[in-house]
Amino acid sequence: MVNVKGRWALVTGASRGVGAQIAKFMAERGCNLILHSREASHTKEVLSEVLAAGVKAYAVSADLADAAQVQTMLDSIEDKGTTVDIVFNNAGVQIAYRSGVYDTPAEDFSSSFLINTIAPAMICYHFLPKMIKRGFGRILNTTSGIRLDPQQAGYSASKAALDKFTIDLGTKVNGTDVALNLNDPGWCRTDLGGPYAPNAVESVLPGIVVGAFIDDKKSGRNFGAQDFAGLTLEDAVRKAESYDSPY
C-alpha cells in the first residue's frame, strides 16, 4: 500500500462535500494538500483543519468552466514548485433536472462538459507527463453511476465522456507506477446530491480515496466508493487491487 506521507495531492472542489472528506482523510495520513475551489476563501475552513493535522497546504482557485482560469491555476502550482503526486479530480456540476426531457437546452451539455470533462482532461494532461517522468503518480477522476435518466442528460453524458477519456488515456500508463482510475462516490447527501440521497457523505470513505493507495500498477478501473463503505483502508486497498483492469 502506498505511503502518502509527505506527498502532495491536488483536490478539486475541496471546500465541502466529498472534496472536503478527501482532503481531511489524506491530511490525517500525512499528505500535503492543494485545495481548489472557485474562490480561495471557500476553502478557508477546510484549509484550517488540514493544517491543524500537521501537513503543508494551500488554496488555489479557478472557475472550471473557464479553461483560461484552469490553466492559470495550473501555472500557479508550477510557480510554487510543488511536485503533485496525486490528483483527485473531484469537482463537478449537475446543471439541472429537466422534467421536460425534450426541452433540454444545448447549454446543459456545453456547461456540463466544460466542468465535468474538459477541466479534468486539462488537469490530467498537465500532470500526467510529469508523473510519468518521475515514475510515480495517482489520478482519480470522479464519475457517476447515473444511467437511464435522460432528465440529467448533460450531466450524465459529460461523465460518460470522462469515463471514456480516463479509460483510453489509462492505456498510456497501465503496468507502471502511474495509475489513472475512476471513482464514483454514489448518491450522497451533498449540495449536488440533495437532501434525499440515501448515503451520508461520510460513507464515501475510504472508497473515494482508495485509488491513491493502490500499488498494483493497474489503470482504467472504476472504484465505487459505496462498495468499500465500512472497510479499513487496508482492506479497501486489498479489495481494490482485486479489480480487473479493462485492458
C-alpha atoms as a PDB file:
ATOM      1  CA  MET A   1       0.000   0.000   0.000  1.00  0.00           C
ATOM      2  CA  VAL A   2       1.325   3.442  -0.929  1.00  0.00           C
ATOM      3  CA  ASN A   3       2.536   5.670   1.889  1.00  0.00           C
ATOM      4  CA  VAL A   4       1.282   9.183   1.098  1.00  0.00           C
ATOM      5  CA  LYS A   5       3.086  10.939   3.944  1.00  0.00           C
ATOM      6  CA  GLY A   6       4.981  13.939   2.616  1.00  0.00           C
ATOM      7  CA  ARG A   7       3.490  13.682  -0.877  1.00  0.00           C
ATOM      8  CA  TRP A   8       1.353  16.438  -2.412  1.00  0.00           C
ATOM      9  CA  ALA A   9      -2.230  15.965  -3.593  1.00  0.00           C
ATOM     10  CA  LEU A  10      -4.464  18.345  -5.525  1.00  0.00           C
ATOM     11  CA  VAL A  11      -8.154  18.103  -4.624  1.00  0.00           C
ATOM     12  CA  THR A  12     -10.604  19.983  -6.836  1.00  0.00           C
ATOM     13  CA  GLY A  13     -13.894  21.010  -5.288  1.00  0.00           C
ATOM     14  CA  ALA A  14     -12.339  20.767  -1.827  1.00  0.00           C
ATOM     15  CA  SER A  15     -14.443  23.328   0.011  1.00  0.00           C
ATOM     16  CA  ARG A  16     -17.267  20.993   1.045  1.00  0.00           C
ATOM     17  CA  GLY A  17     -18.946  17.645   0.480  1.00  0.00           C
ATOM     18  CA  VAL A  18     -16.902  14.795  -0.942  1.00  0.00           C
ATOM     19  CA  GLY A  19     -13.885  17.012  -1.641  1.00  0.00           C
ATOM     20  CA  ALA A  20     -13.644  18.082   1.994  1.00  0.00           C
ATOM     21  CA  GLN A  21     -13.869  14.442   3.083  1.00  0.00           C
ATOM     22  CA  ILE A  22     -10.999  13.557   0.739  1.00  0.00           C
ATOM     23  CA  ALA A  23      -8.839  16.429   1.963  1.00  0.00           C
ATOM     24  CA  LYS A  24      -9.251  15.660   5.648  1.00  0.00           C
ATOM     25  CA  PHE A  25      -8.699  11.921   5.178  1.00  0.00           C
ATOM     26  CA  MET A  26      -5.492  12.500   3.247  1.00  0.00           C
ATOM     27  CA  ALA A  27      -4.239  15.049   5.776  1.00  0.00           C
ATOM     28  CA  GLU A  28      -4.750  12.554   8.577  1.00  0.00           C
ATOM     29  CA  ARG A  29      -2.297  10.303   6.745  1.00  0.00           C
ATOM     30  CA  GLY A  30       0.324  12.996   6.348  1.00  0.00           C
ATOM     31  CA  CYS A  31      -0.396  14.034   2.770  1.00  0.00           C
ATOM     32  CA  ASN A  32       0.224  17.691   1.882  1.00  0.00           C
ATOM     33  CA  LEU A  33      -2.649  19.344   0.066  1.00  0.00           C
ATOM     34  CA  ILE A  34      -3.570  21.850  -2.609  1.00  0.00           C
ATOM     35  CA  LEU A  35      -7.219  22.733  -2.085  1.00  0.00           C
ATOM     36  CA  HIS A  36      -9.144  24.031  -5.081  1.00  0.00           C
ATOM     37  CA  SER A  37     -12.426  25.907  -5.153  1.00  0.00           C
ATOM     38  CA  ARG A  38     -13.923  28.660  -7.282  1.00  0.00           C
ATOM     39  CA  GLU A  39     -12.824  31.208  -4.680  1.00  0.00           C
ATOM     40  CA  ALA A  40      -9.875  30.583  -2.372  1.00  0.00           C
ATOM     41  CA  SER A  41     -11.915  31.896   0.567  1.00  0.00           C
ATOM     42  CA  HIS A  42     -14.332  28.984   0.169  1.00  0.00           C
ATOM     43  CA  THR A  43     -11.700  26.515   1.397  1.00  0.00           C
ATOM     44  CA  LYS A  44     -10.728  28.594   4.451  1.00  0.00           C
ATOM     45  CA  GLU A  45     -12.341  26.213   6.952  1.00  0.00           C
ATOM     46  CA  VAL A  46     -11.025  23.011   5.357  1.00  0.00           C
ATOM     47  CA  LEU A  47      -7.577  24.580   4.983  1.00  0.00           C
ATOM     48  CA  SER A  48      -7.506  25.326   8.708  1.00  0.00           C
ATOM     49  CA  GLU A  49      -8.493  21.753   9.529  1.00  0.00           C
ATOM     50  CA  VAL A  50      -5.835  20.126   7.378  1.00  0.00           C
ATOM     51  CA  LEU A  51      -3.124  22.486   8.585  1.00  0.00           C
ATOM     52  CA  ALA A  52      -4.086  21.553  12.140  1.00  0.00           C
ATOM     53  CA  ALA A  53      -3.321  17.941  11.185  1.00  0.00           C
ATOM     54  CA  GLY A  54       0.302  18.986  10.741  1.00  0.00           C
ATOM     55  CA  VAL A  55       0.614  18.891   6.957  1.00  0.00           C
ATOM     56  CA  LYS A  56       1.506  21.595   4.470  1.00  0.00           C
ATOM     57  CA  ALA A  57      -1.380  23.005   2.472  1.00  0.00           C
ATOM     58  CA  TYR A  58      -2.513  25.977   0.448  1.00  0.00           C
ATOM     59  CA  ALA A  59      -5.550  27.059  -1.567  1.00  0.00           C
ATOM     60  CA  VAL A  60      -5.920  27.732  -5.280  1.00  0.00           C
ATOM     61  CA  SER A  61      -8.924  29.000  -7.177  1.00  0.00           C
ATOM     62  CA  ALA A  62     -10.407  28.673 -10.642  1.00  0.00           C
ATOM     63  CA  ASP A  63     -13.797  28.554 -12.275  1.00  0.00           C
ATOM     64  CA  LEU A  64     -13.502  25.192 -14.010  1.00  0.00           C
ATOM     65  CA  ALA A  65     -15.929  26.354 -16.687  1.00  0.00           C
ATOM     66  CA  ASP A  66     -13.208  28.752 -17.879  1.00  0.00           C
ATOM     67  CA  ALA A  67     -10.249  26.963 -19.476  1.00  0.00           C
ATOM     68  CA  ALA A  68      -8.083  30.072 -19.101  1.00  0.00           C
ATOM     69  CA  GLN A  69      -8.646  30.070 -15.342  1.00  0.00           C
ATOM     70  CA  VAL A  70      -7.852  26.359 -15.165  1.00  0.00           C
ATOM     71  CA  GLN A  71      -4.548  26.974 -16.934  1.00  0.00           C
ATOM     72  CA  THR A  72      -3.741  29.922 -14.671  1.00  0.00           C
ATOM     73  CA  MET A  73      -4.356  27.705 -11.640  1.00  0.00           C
ATOM     74  CA  LEU A  74      -2.043  25.023 -13.008  1.00  0.00           C
ATOM     75  CA  ASP A  75       0.621  27.615 -13.758  1.00  0.00           C
ATOM     76  CA  SER A  76       0.375  28.958 -10.205  1.00  0.00           C
ATOM     77  CA  ILE A  77       1.038  25.472  -8.823  1.00  0.00           C
ATOM     78  CA  GLU A  78       4.100  25.193 -11.056  1.00  0.00           C
ATOM     79  CA  ASP A  79       5.288  28.632  -9.959  1.00  0.00           C
ATOM     80  CA  LYS A  80       5.260  27.422  -6.349  1.00  0.00           C
ATOM     81  CA  GLY A  81       7.449  24.484  -7.331  1.00  0.00           C
ATOM     82  CA  THR A  82       5.001  21.944  -5.917  1.00  0.00           C
ATOM     83  CA  THR A  83       5.518  18.354  -7.058  1.00  0.00           C
ATOM     84  CA  VAL A  84       1.996  16.961  -7.379  1.00  0.00           C
ATOM     85  CA  ASP A  85       1.944  13.195  -6.866  1.00  0.00           C
ATOM     86  CA  ILE A  86      -1.813  12.644  -6.505  1.00  0.00           C
ATOM     87  CA  VAL A  87      -4.786  14.319  -8.181  1.00  0.00           C
ATOM     88  CA  PHE A  88      -8.407  13.996  -7.159  1.00  0.00           C
ATOM     89  CA  ASN A  89     -10.489  15.478  -9.984  1.00  0.00           C
ATOM     90  CA  ASN A  90     -13.478  15.647  -7.681  1.00  0.00           C
ATOM     91  CA  ALA A  91     -15.230  18.888  -8.665  1.00  0.00           C
ATOM     92  CA  GLY A  92     -18.352  18.561 -10.766  1.00  0.00           C
ATOM     93  CA  VAL A  93     -21.633  20.222 -11.575  1.00  0.00           C
ATOM     94  CA  GLN A  94     -25.156  18.964 -12.154  1.00  0.00           C
ATOM     95  CA  ILE A  95     -26.757  21.727 -14.185  1.00  0.00           C
ATOM     96  CA  ALA A  96     -30.444  20.856 -13.858  1.00  0.00           C
ATOM     97  CA  TYR A  97     -33.031  18.111 -13.630  1.00  0.00           C
ATOM     98  CA  ARG A  98     -35.248  18.501 -16.699  1.00  0.00           C
ATOM     99  CA  SER A  99     -38.719  17.057 -16.255  1.00  0.00           C
ATOM    100  CA  GLY A 100     -39.406  18.181 -19.799  1.00  0.00           C
ATOM    101  CA  VAL A 101     -36.784  15.913 -21.332  1.00  0.00           C
ATOM    102  CA  TYR A 102     -37.307  17.151 -24.882  1.00  0.00           C
ATOM    103  CA  ASP A 103     -36.867  20.759 -23.815  1.00  0.00           C
ATOM    104  CA  THR A 104     -33.294  20.176 -22.574  1.00  0.00           C
ATOM    105  CA  PRO A 105     -31.248  23.160 -23.819  1.00  0.00           C
ATOM    106  CA  ALA A 106     -27.896  22.772 -25.528  1.00  0.00           C
ATOM    107  CA  GLU A 107     -26.340  24.803 -22.711  1.00  0.00           C
ATOM    108  CA  ASP A 108     -26.874  21.865 -20.342  1.00  0.00           C
ATOM    109  CA  PHE A 109     -24.354  19.928 -22.400  1.00  0.00           C
ATOM    110  CA  SER A 110     -21.826  22.693 -23.021  1.00  0.00           C
ATOM    111  CA  SER A 111     -21.749  23.784 -19.367  1.00  0.00           C
ATOM    112  CA  SER A 112     -21.551  20.214 -18.084  1.00  0.00           C
ATOM    113  CA  PHE A 113     -18.742  19.221 -20.429  1.00  0.00           C
ATOM    114  CA  LEU A 114     -16.619  22.258 -19.578  1.00  0.00           C
ATOM    115  CA  ILE A 115     -16.565  21.434 -15.861  1.00  0.00           C
ATOM    116  CA  ASN A 116     -17.044  17.662 -15.757  1.00  0.00           C
ATOM    117  CA  THR A 117     -14.936  16.609 -18.744  1.00  0.00           C
ATOM    118  CA  ILE A 118     -12.715  19.312 -20.217  1.00  0.00           C
ATOM    119  CA  ALA A 119     -11.290  20.705 -16.958  1.00  0.00           C
ATOM    120  CA  PRO A 120     -10.339  17.241 -15.630  1.00  0.00           C
ATOM    121  CA  ALA A 121      -8.792  16.437 -19.005  1.00  0.00           C
ATOM    122  CA  MET A 122      -6.681  19.601 -18.879  1.00  0.00           C
ATOM    123  CA  ILE A 123      -5.520  18.713 -15.381  1.00  0.00           C
ATOM    124  CA  CYS A 124      -4.638  15.167 -16.441  1.00  0.00           C
ATOM    125  CA  TYR A 125      -2.703  16.371 -19.471  1.00  0.00           C
ATOM    126  CA  HIS A 126      -0.777  18.801 -17.294  1.00  0.00           C
ATOM    127  CA  PHE A 127       0.285  16.427 -14.529  1.00  0.00           C
ATOM    128  CA  LEU A 128       0.443  13.006 -16.188  1.00  0.00           C
ATOM    129  CA  PRO A 129       3.651  13.575 -18.227  1.00  0.00           C
ATOM    130  CA  LYS A 130       5.401  14.858 -15.087  1.00  0.00           C
ATOM    131  CA  MET A 131       4.279  11.795 -13.146  1.00  0.00           C
ATOM    132  CA  ILE A 132       5.498   9.509 -15.927  1.00  0.00           C
ATOM    133  CA  LYS A 133       8.886  11.230 -15.921  1.00  0.00           C
ATOM    134  CA  ARG A 134       9.224  10.802 -12.136  1.00  0.00           C
ATOM    135  CA  GLY A 135       7.889   7.244 -12.224  1.00  0.00           C
ATOM    136  CA  PHE A 136       5.055   7.762  -9.747  1.00  0.00           C
ATOM    137  CA  GLY A 137       1.583   9.262  -9.729  1.00  0.00           C
ATOM    138  CA  ARG A 138      -2.071   8.673  -8.956  1.00  0.00           C
ATOM    139  CA  ILE A 139      -5.009  10.397 -10.672  1.00  0.00           C
ATOM    140  CA  LEU A 140      -8.618   9.737  -9.690  1.00  0.00           C
ATOM    141  CA  ASN A 141     -11.367  11.144 -11.899  1.00  0.00           C
ATOM    142  CA  THR A 142     -14.766  11.272 -10.224  1.00  0.00           C
ATOM    143  CA  THR A 143     -17.555   9.783 -12.301  1.00  0.00           C
ATOM    144  CA  SER A 144     -21.236   8.987 -11.734  1.00  0.00           C
ATOM    145  CA  GLY A 145     -23.352   5.870 -11.871  1.00  0.00           C
ATOM    146  CA  ILE A 146     -26.363   7.701 -13.328  1.00  0.00           C
ATOM    147  CA  ARG A 147     -27.902   5.919 -16.292  1.00  0.00           C
ATOM    148  CA  LEU A 148     -31.297   5.608 -17.974  1.00  0.00           C
ATOM    149  CA  ASP A 149     -32.120   9.078 -16.658  1.00  0.00           C
ATOM    150  CA  PRO A 150     -32.448  11.482 -19.603  1.00  0.00           C
ATOM    151  CA  GLN A 151     -33.666  14.184 -17.237  1.00  0.00           C
ATOM    152  CA  GLN A 152     -29.966  14.683 -16.407  1.00  0.00           C
ATOM    153  CA  ALA A 153     -28.655  14.231 -19.939  1.00  0.00           C
ATOM    154  CA  GLY A 154     -25.952  16.894 -19.909  1.00  0.00           C
ATOM    155  CA  TYR A 155     -24.516  15.710 -16.612  1.00  0.00           C
ATOM    156  CA  SER A 156     -24.605  12.001 -17.377  1.00  0.00           C
ATOM    157  CA  ALA A 157     -23.190  12.457 -20.877  1.00  0.00           C
ATOM    158  CA  SER A 158     -20.298  14.541 -19.559  1.00  0.00           C
ATOM    159  CA  LYS A 159     -19.477  11.851 -17.002  1.00  0.00           C
ATOM    160  CA  ALA A 160     -19.697   9.126 -19.654  1.00  0.00           C
ATOM    161  CA  ALA A 161     -17.217  11.132 -21.721  1.00  0.00           C
ATOM    162  CA  LEU A 162     -14.937  11.395 -18.686  1.00  0.00           C
ATOM    163  CA  ASP A 163     -15.108   7.614 -18.305  1.00  0.00           C
ATOM    164  CA  LYS A 164     -14.098   7.119 -21.935  1.00  0.00           C
ATOM    165  CA  PHE A 165     -11.289   9.667 -21.670  1.00  0.00           C
ATOM    166  CA  THR A 166      -9.926   8.070 -18.491  1.00  0.00           C
ATOM    167  CA  ILE A 167     -10.014   4.503 -19.780  1.00  0.00           C
ATOM    168  CA  ASP A 168      -8.428   5.440 -23.104  1.00  0.00           C
ATOM    169  CA  LEU A 169      -5.681   7.575 -21.535  1.00  0.00           C
ATOM    170  CA  GLY A 170      -5.043   4.881 -18.955  1.00  0.00           C
ATOM    171  CA  THR A 171      -3.549   2.703 -21.704  1.00  0.00           C
ATOM    172  CA  LYS A 172      -0.528   5.027 -21.662  1.00  0.00           C
ATOM    173  CA  VAL A 173       0.342   4.211 -18.044  1.00  0.00           C
ATOM    174  CA  ASN A 174      -1.130   0.780 -17.357  1.00  0.00           C
ATOM    175  CA  GLY A 175       1.555  -1.505 -15.938  1.00  0.00           C
ATOM    176  CA  THR A 176       3.556   1.399 -14.489  1.00  0.00           C
ATOM    177  CA  ASP A 177       3.581   3.093 -11.098  1.00  0.00           C
ATOM    178  CA  VAL A 178       1.451   5.881 -12.515  1.00  0.00           C
ATOM    179  CA  ALA A 179      -2.210   4.910 -12.092  1.00  0.00           C
ATOM    180  CA  LEU A 180      -5.178   6.638 -13.714  1.00  0.00           C
ATOM    181  CA  ASN A 181      -8.548   5.407 -12.488  1.00  0.00           C
ATOM    182  CA  LEU A 182     -12.135   6.440 -11.860  1.00  0.00           C
ATOM    183  CA  ASN A 183     -14.048   6.697  -8.622  1.00  0.00           C
ATOM    184  CA  ASP A 184     -17.787   7.013  -8.028  1.00  0.00           C
ATOM    185  CA  PRO A 185     -18.982   8.371  -4.674  1.00  0.00           C
ATOM    186  CA  GLY A 186     -22.532   7.082  -5.153  1.00  0.00           C
ATOM    187  CA  TRP A 187     -25.613   9.159  -4.443  1.00  0.00           C
ATOM    188  CA  CYS A 188     -24.756  11.133  -1.321  1.00  0.00           C
ATOM    189  CA  ARG A 189     -26.385  13.897   0.673  1.00  0.00           C
ATOM    190  CA  THR A 190     -24.299  16.799  -0.627  1.00  0.00           C
ATOM    191  CA  ASP A 191     -25.132  20.092  -2.307  1.00  0.00           C
ATOM    192  CA  LEU A 192     -25.027  18.222  -5.623  1.00  0.00           C
ATOM    193  CA  GLY A 193     -26.788  15.056  -4.462  1.00  0.00           C
ATOM    194  CA  GLY A 194     -29.504  16.811  -2.488  1.00  0.00           C
ATOM    195  CA  PRO A 195     -31.119  16.031   0.885  1.00  0.00           C
ATOM    196  CA  TYR A 196     -32.954  12.869  -0.209  1.00  0.00           C
ATOM    197  CA  ALA A 197     -29.890  10.884  -1.295  1.00  0.00           C
ATOM    198  CA  PRO A 198     -29.591   7.549   0.538  1.00  0.00           C
ATOM    199  CA  ASN A 199     -25.948   7.880   1.586  1.00  0.00           C
ATOM    200  CA  ALA A 200     -24.265  10.176   4.088  1.00  0.00           C
ATOM    201  CA  VAL A 201     -21.279  11.985   2.641  1.00  0.00           C
ATOM    202  CA  GLU A 202     -19.021  10.255   5.170  1.00  0.00           C
ATOM    203  CA  SER A 203     -19.848   6.913   3.530  1.00  0.00           C
ATOM    204  CA  VAL A 204     -17.548   7.752   0.610  1.00  0.00           C
ATOM    205  CA  LEU A 205     -14.548   6.889   2.787  1.00  0.00           C
ATOM    206  CA  PRO A 206     -12.323   5.021   2.290  1.00  0.00           C
ATOM    207  CA  GLY A 207     -13.515   4.080  -1.200  1.00  0.00           C
ATOM    208  CA  ILE A 208     -13.252   7.538  -2.687  1.00  0.00           C
ATOM    209  CA  VAL A 209      -9.513   7.690  -1.929  1.00  0.00           C
ATOM    210  CA  VAL A 210      -8.564   4.032  -2.375  1.00  0.00           C
ATOM    211  CA  GLY A 211      -7.114   4.660  -5.826  1.00  0.00           C
ATOM    212  CA  ALA A 212      -4.411   6.836  -4.275  1.00  0.00           C
ATOM    213  CA  PHE A 213      -3.175   3.946  -2.139  1.00  0.00           C
ATOM    214  CA  ILE A 214      -3.240   1.021  -4.572  1.00  0.00           C
ATOM    215  CA  ASP A 215       0.130  -0.428  -5.543  1.00  0.00           C
ATOM    216  CA  ASP A 216      -0.732  -2.885  -8.315  1.00  0.00           C
ATOM    217  CA  LYS A 217       0.141  -0.848 -11.441  1.00  0.00           C
ATOM    218  CA  LYS A 218      -3.337  -1.114 -12.952  1.00  0.00           C
ATOM    219  CA  SER A 219      -5.308   1.691 -14.574  1.00  0.00           C
ATOM    220  CA  GLY A 220      -8.713   2.224 -16.146  1.00  0.00           C
ATOM    221  CA  ARG A 221     -10.850   0.837 -13.332  1.00  0.00           C
ATOM    222  CA  ASN A 222     -13.888   2.353 -11.607  1.00  0.00           C
ATOM    223  CA  PHE A 223     -13.896   2.180  -7.818  1.00  0.00           C
ATOM    224  CA  GLY A 224     -17.444   2.596  -6.479  1.00  0.00           C
ATOM    225  CA  ALA A 225     -16.989   4.180  -3.065  1.00  0.00           C
ATOM    226  CA  GLN A 226     -20.097   2.594  -1.575  1.00  0.00           C
ATOM    227  CA  ASP A 227     -18.617  -0.859  -2.257  1.00  0.00           C
ATOM    228  CA  PHE A 228     -15.905  -0.045   0.290  1.00  0.00           C
ATOM    229  CA  ALA A 229     -18.033   1.615   2.970  1.00  0.00           C
ATOM    230  CA  GLY A 230     -17.181   0.380   6.460  1.00  0.00           C
ATOM    231  CA  LEU A 231     -13.852  -1.166   5.471  1.00  0.00           C
ATOM    232  CA  THR A 232     -10.489  -0.197   6.862  1.00  0.00           C
ATOM    233  CA  LEU A 233      -8.176   1.468   4.384  1.00  0.00           C
ATOM    234  CA  GLU A 234      -6.004  -1.634   4.311  1.00  0.00           C
ATOM    235  CA  ASP A 235      -8.958  -3.903   3.499  1.00  0.00           C
ATOM    236  CA  ALA A 236     -10.220  -1.409   0.935  1.00  0.00           C
ATOM    237  CA  VAL A 237      -6.862  -1.432  -0.839  1.00  0.00           C
ATOM    238  CA  ARG A 238      -6.817  -5.218  -0.956  1.00  0.00           C
ATOM    239  CA  LYS A 239     -10.317  -5.231  -2.414  1.00  0.00           C
ATOM    240  CA  ALA A 240      -9.474  -2.530  -4.957  1.00  0.00           C
ATOM    241  CA  GLU A 241      -6.399  -4.415  -6.110  1.00  0.00           C
ATOM    242  CA  SER A 242      -8.594  -7.424  -6.870  1.00  0.00           C
ATOM    243  CA  TYR A 243     -10.464  -5.380  -9.511  1.00  0.00           C
ATOM    244  CA  ASP A 244      -9.595  -6.313 -13.064  1.00  0.00           C
ATOM    245  CA  SER A 245      -8.165  -3.717 -15.436  1.00  0.00           C
ATOM    246  CA  PRO A 246     -10.214  -3.200 -18.639  1.00  0.00           C
ATOM    247  CA  TYR A 247      -7.081  -3.832 -20.675  1.00  0.00           C
END
